[in-house]
Amino acid sequence: MQGGSALRITLDNPALVTDLTDFLRRCECKVEQVGSRALEVDVAAQAGQPVGAEHEWARLQIDAFLRVWQLLHPETQAHLFA
């Protein structure tokens, strides 16, 4: 995935990669699996976000989505890398 705001997520449990992928896609994220336990994730640009803040905006949104998903899956850990 090409893009300056794409972030990587790794999971402790590779069996849940598909579940996280589906969840993030329902949140309107672009998701690409880049390893057995890793995803590259990006969000669409939003109108009204500060110019030049795309990466930080994406990180905040993806972090929020990931926190919700983790509440639904407390048995695993997911790590977000900027």
N, C-alpha and C. Protein backbone atom coordinates (compact mmCIF):
# COMPACT_ATOMS: atom_id res chain seq x y z
N MET A 1 0.86 -1.17 0.00
CA MET A 1 0.00 0.00 0.00
C MET A 1 0.90 1.23 0.00
N GLN A 2 0.67 2.11 -0.91
CA GLN A 2 1.43 3.35 -0.98
C GLN A 2 0.64 4.45 -0.30
N GLY A 3 1.32 5.30 0.43
CA GLY A 3 0.63 6.40 1.08
C GLY A 3 1.39 6.87 2.29
N GLY A 4 1.44 8.17 2.47
CA GLY A 4 2.20 8.73 3.57
C GLY A 4 1.55 8.55 4.92
N SER A 5 0.29 8.18 4.97
CA SER A 5 -0.37 8.05 6.26
C SER A 5 -0.62 6.59 6.64
N ALA A 6 -0.14 5.63 5.86
CA ALA A 6 -0.34 4.23 6.16
C ALA A 6 0.46 3.85 7.41
N LEU A 7 -0.15 3.03 8.26
CA LEU A 7 0.46 2.57 9.50
C LEU A 7 0.45 1.05 9.53
N ARG A 8 1.32 0.48 10.35
CA ARG A 8 1.40 -0.97 10.46
C ARG A 8 0.87 -1.41 11.82
N ILE A 9 0.10 -2.49 11.79
CA ILE A 9 -0.40 -3.13 13.00
C ILE A 9 0.12 -4.57 13.00
N THR A 10 0.64 -5.00 14.14
CA THR A 10 1.00 -6.40 14.29
C THR A 10 0.15 -7.01 15.40
N LEU A 11 -0.18 -8.28 15.23
CA LEU A 11 -0.99 -9.01 16.19
C LEU A 11 -0.20 -10.14 16.82
N ASP A 12 -0.46 -10.40 18.09
CA ASP A 12 0.16 -11.55 18.75
C ASP A 12 -0.42 -12.86 18.22
N ASN A 13 -1.69 -12.84 17.84
CA ASN A 13 -2.39 -14.04 17.41
C ASN A 13 -2.72 -13.94 15.92
N PRO A 14 -1.98 -14.66 15.06
CA PRO A 14 -2.24 -14.57 13.63
C PRO A 14 -3.62 -15.09 13.22
N ALA A 15 -4.27 -15.86 14.06
CA ALA A 15 -5.60 -16.38 13.74
C ALA A 15 -6.65 -15.26 13.71
N LEU A 16 -6.34 -14.10 14.28
CA LEU A 16 -7.30 -13.00 14.31
C LEU A 16 -7.03 -11.91 13.27
N VAL A 17 -6.07 -12.13 12.39
CA VAL A 17 -5.76 -11.13 11.36
C VAL A 17 -6.97 -10.86 10.47
N THR A 18 -7.65 -11.90 10.05
CA THR A 18 -8.82 -11.73 9.18
C THR A 18 -9.93 -10.97 9.90
N ASP A 19 -10.14 -11.28 11.17
CA ASP A 19 -11.17 -10.59 11.93
C ASP A 19 -10.85 -9.10 12.05
N LEU A 20 -9.60 -8.76 12.35
CA LEU A 20 -9.21 -7.35 12.44
C LEU A 20 -9.30 -6.67 11.08
N THR A 21 -8.91 -7.36 10.03
CA THR A 21 -9.01 -6.81 8.67
C THR A 21 -10.46 -6.46 8.36
N ASP A 22 -11.36 -7.38 8.62
CA ASP A 22 -12.79 -7.15 8.35
C ASP A 22 -13.32 -5.98 9.18
N PHE A 23 -12.94 -5.91 10.45
CA PHE A 23 -13.38 -4.83 11.32
C PHE A 23 -12.91 -3.48 10.79
N LEU A 24 -11.63 -3.38 10.44
CA LEU A 24 -11.09 -2.10 9.95
C LEU A 24 -11.72 -1.70 8.61
N ARG A 25 -12.00 -2.66 7.76
CA ARG A 25 -12.66 -2.34 6.49
C ARG A 25 -14.08 -1.82 6.73
N ARG A 26 -14.77 -2.35 7.74
CA ARG A 26 -16.10 -1.83 8.08
C ARG A 26 -15.99 -0.39 8.61
N CYS A 27 -14.83 -0.05 9.13
CA CYS A 27 -14.57 1.33 9.60
C CYS A 27 -14.06 2.21 8.46
N GLU A 28 -14.16 1.70 7.24
CA GLU A 28 -13.76 2.41 6.02
C GLU A 28 -12.27 2.68 5.92
N CYS A 29 -11.48 1.75 6.46
CA CYS A 29 -10.03 1.82 6.32
C CYS A 29 -9.62 0.98 5.10
N LYS A 30 -8.49 1.36 4.52
CA LYS A 30 -7.85 0.55 3.51
C LYS A 30 -6.90 -0.38 4.26
N VAL A 31 -6.99 -1.69 4.00
CA VAL A 31 -6.20 -2.65 4.75
C VAL A 31 -5.54 -3.63 3.79
N GLU A 32 -4.26 -3.88 4.04
CA GLU A 32 -3.52 -4.86 3.26
C GLU A 32 -2.72 -5.72 4.23
N GLN A 33 -2.85 -7.04 4.09
CA GLN A 33 -2.05 -7.94 4.92
C GLN A 33 -0.64 -7.99 4.35
N VAL A 34 0.36 -7.75 5.20
CA VAL A 34 1.75 -7.69 4.75
C VAL A 34 2.63 -8.73 5.45
N GLY A 35 2.02 -9.64 6.15
CA GLY A 35 2.73 -10.71 6.83
C GLY A 35 1.71 -11.58 7.54
N SER A 36 2.16 -12.66 8.13
CA SER A 36 1.21 -13.56 8.79
C SER A 36 0.54 -12.91 9.99
N ARG A 37 1.19 -11.89 10.59
CA ARG A 37 0.64 -11.21 11.75
C ARG A 37 0.61 -9.70 11.58
N ALA A 38 0.77 -9.21 10.36
CA ALA A 38 0.91 -7.77 10.16
C ALA A 38 -0.04 -7.24 9.09
N LEU A 39 -0.55 -6.03 9.36
CA LEU A 39 -1.43 -5.32 8.43
C LEU A 39 -0.87 -3.93 8.20
N GLU A 40 -1.07 -3.43 7.00
CA GLU A 40 -0.81 -2.03 6.71
C GLU A 40 -2.18 -1.39 6.53
N VAL A 41 -2.41 -0.28 7.24
CA VAL A 41 -3.74 0.32 7.33
C VAL A 41 -3.66 1.82 7.03
N ASP A 42 -4.66 2.31 6.33
CA ASP A 42 -4.75 3.74 6.03
C ASP A 42 -6.23 4.12 6.08
N VAL A 43 -6.49 5.39 6.32
CA VAL A 43 -7.85 5.92 6.32
C VAL A 43 -7.96 6.97 5.24
N ALA A 44 -9.17 7.17 4.76
CA ALA A 44 -9.41 8.19 3.75
C ALA A 44 -9.24 9.58 4.36
N ALA A 45 -8.75 10.50 3.55
CA ALA A 45 -8.61 11.89 4.01
C ALA A 45 -9.99 12.45 4.31
N GLN A 46 -10.08 13.23 5.34
CA GLN A 46 -11.33 13.85 5.77
C GLN A 46 -11.31 15.35 5.49
N ALA A 47 -12.40 15.87 5.02
CA ALA A 47 -12.51 17.32 4.81
C ALA A 47 -12.39 18.01 6.16
N GLY A 48 -11.69 19.12 6.18
CA GLY A 48 -11.57 19.90 7.40
C GLY A 48 -10.38 19.56 8.27
N GLN A 49 -9.63 18.50 7.92
CA GLN A 49 -8.46 18.20 8.74
C GLN A 49 -7.35 19.19 8.42
N PRO A 50 -6.53 19.52 9.38
CA PRO A 50 -5.47 20.51 9.14
C PRO A 50 -4.52 20.07 8.03
N VAL A 51 -4.10 21.02 7.21
CA VAL A 51 -3.18 20.74 6.12
C VAL A 51 -1.87 20.21 6.71
N GLY A 52 -1.36 19.14 6.15
CA GLY A 52 -0.11 18.56 6.61
C GLY A 52 -0.26 17.63 7.80
N ALA A 53 -1.47 17.44 8.29
CA ALA A 53 -1.68 16.61 9.48
C ALA A 53 -2.24 15.23 9.14
N GLU A 54 -2.13 14.81 7.88
CA GLU A 54 -2.75 13.56 7.45
C GLU A 54 -2.26 12.36 8.24
N HIS A 55 -0.93 12.28 8.45
CA HIS A 55 -0.38 11.11 9.15
C HIS A 55 -0.87 11.05 10.59
N GLU A 56 -0.85 12.18 11.28
CA GLU A 56 -1.30 12.21 12.67
C GLU A 56 -2.79 11.91 12.77
N TRP A 57 -3.57 12.45 11.85
CA TRP A 57 -5.01 12.19 11.81
C TRP A 57 -5.27 10.70 11.60
N ALA A 58 -4.55 10.09 10.67
CA ALA A 58 -4.71 8.66 10.40
C ALA A 58 -4.34 7.85 11.64
N ARG A 59 -3.23 8.22 12.30
CA ARG A 59 -2.79 7.49 13.49
C ARG A 59 -3.85 7.55 14.59
N LEU A 60 -4.43 8.73 14.81
CA LEU A 60 -5.45 8.88 15.84
C LEU A 60 -6.69 8.04 15.53
N GLN A 61 -7.13 8.07 14.28
CA GLN A 61 -8.31 7.30 13.89
C GLN A 61 -8.06 5.80 14.01
N ILE A 62 -6.95 5.34 13.47
CA ILE A 62 -6.66 3.91 13.50
C ILE A 62 -6.46 3.44 14.93
N ASP A 63 -5.81 4.24 15.76
CA ASP A 63 -5.63 3.90 17.17
C ASP A 63 -6.99 3.75 17.86
N ALA A 64 -7.93 4.64 17.57
CA ALA A 64 -9.26 4.55 18.17
C ALA A 64 -9.98 3.28 17.71
N PHE A 65 -9.93 2.98 16.42
CA PHE A 65 -10.55 1.76 15.92
C PHE A 65 -9.93 0.53 16.57
N LEU A 66 -8.60 0.54 16.70
CA LEU A 66 -7.89 -0.60 17.27
C LEU A 66 -8.26 -0.79 18.74
N ARG A 67 -8.44 0.28 19.47
CA ARG A 67 -8.84 0.18 20.89
C ARG A 67 -10.22 -0.47 21.02
N VAL A 68 -11.14 -0.12 20.15
CA VAL A 68 -12.46 -0.74 20.17
C VAL A 68 -12.34 -2.23 19.87
N TRP A 69 -11.58 -2.57 18.83
CA TRP A 69 -11.41 -3.97 18.46
C TRP A 69 -10.78 -4.75 19.61
N GLN A 70 -9.80 -4.16 20.29
CA GLN A 70 -9.13 -4.85 21.41
C GLN A 70 -10.11 -5.10 22.56
N LEU A 71 -11.07 -4.20 22.78
CA LEU A 71 -12.08 -4.45 23.82
C LEU A 71 -12.91 -5.68 23.49
N LEU A 72 -13.12 -5.92 22.19
CA LEU A 72 -13.87 -7.10 21.74
C LEU A 72 -13.03 -8.36 21.75
N HIS A 73 -11.69 -8.21 21.81
CA HIS A 73 -10.76 -9.34 21.75
C HIS A 73 -9.66 -9.19 22.81
N PRO A 74 -10.03 -9.24 24.08
CA PRO A 74 -9.04 -9.03 25.14
C PRO A 74 -8.01 -10.15 25.23
N GLU A 75 -8.24 -11.24 24.52
CA GLU A 75 -7.32 -12.38 24.58
C GLU A 75 -6.07 -12.20 23.73
N THR A 76 -6.00 -11.12 22.97
CA THR A 76 -4.84 -10.90 22.11
C THR A 76 -4.35 -9.45 22.24
N GLN A 77 -3.15 -9.23 21.79
CA GLN A 77 -2.56 -7.88 21.79
C GLN A 77 -2.29 -7.45 20.35
N ALA A 78 -2.61 -6.21 20.07
CA ALA A 78 -2.30 -5.61 18.77
C ALA A 78 -1.43 -4.39 19.02
N HIS A 79 -0.46 -4.17 18.15
CA HIS A 79 0.49 -3.08 18.33
C HIS A 79 0.49 -2.21 17.08
N LEU A 80 0.32 -0.91 17.27
CA LEU A 80 0.29 0.06 16.17
C LEU A 80 1.64 0.74 16.07
N PHE A 81 2.20 0.76 14.86
CA PHE A 81 3.49 1.40 14.60
C PHE A 81 3.29 2.52 13.59
N ALA A 82 3.78 3.69 13.95
CA ALA A 82 3.65 4.86 13.06
C ALA A 82 4.76 4.87 12.04
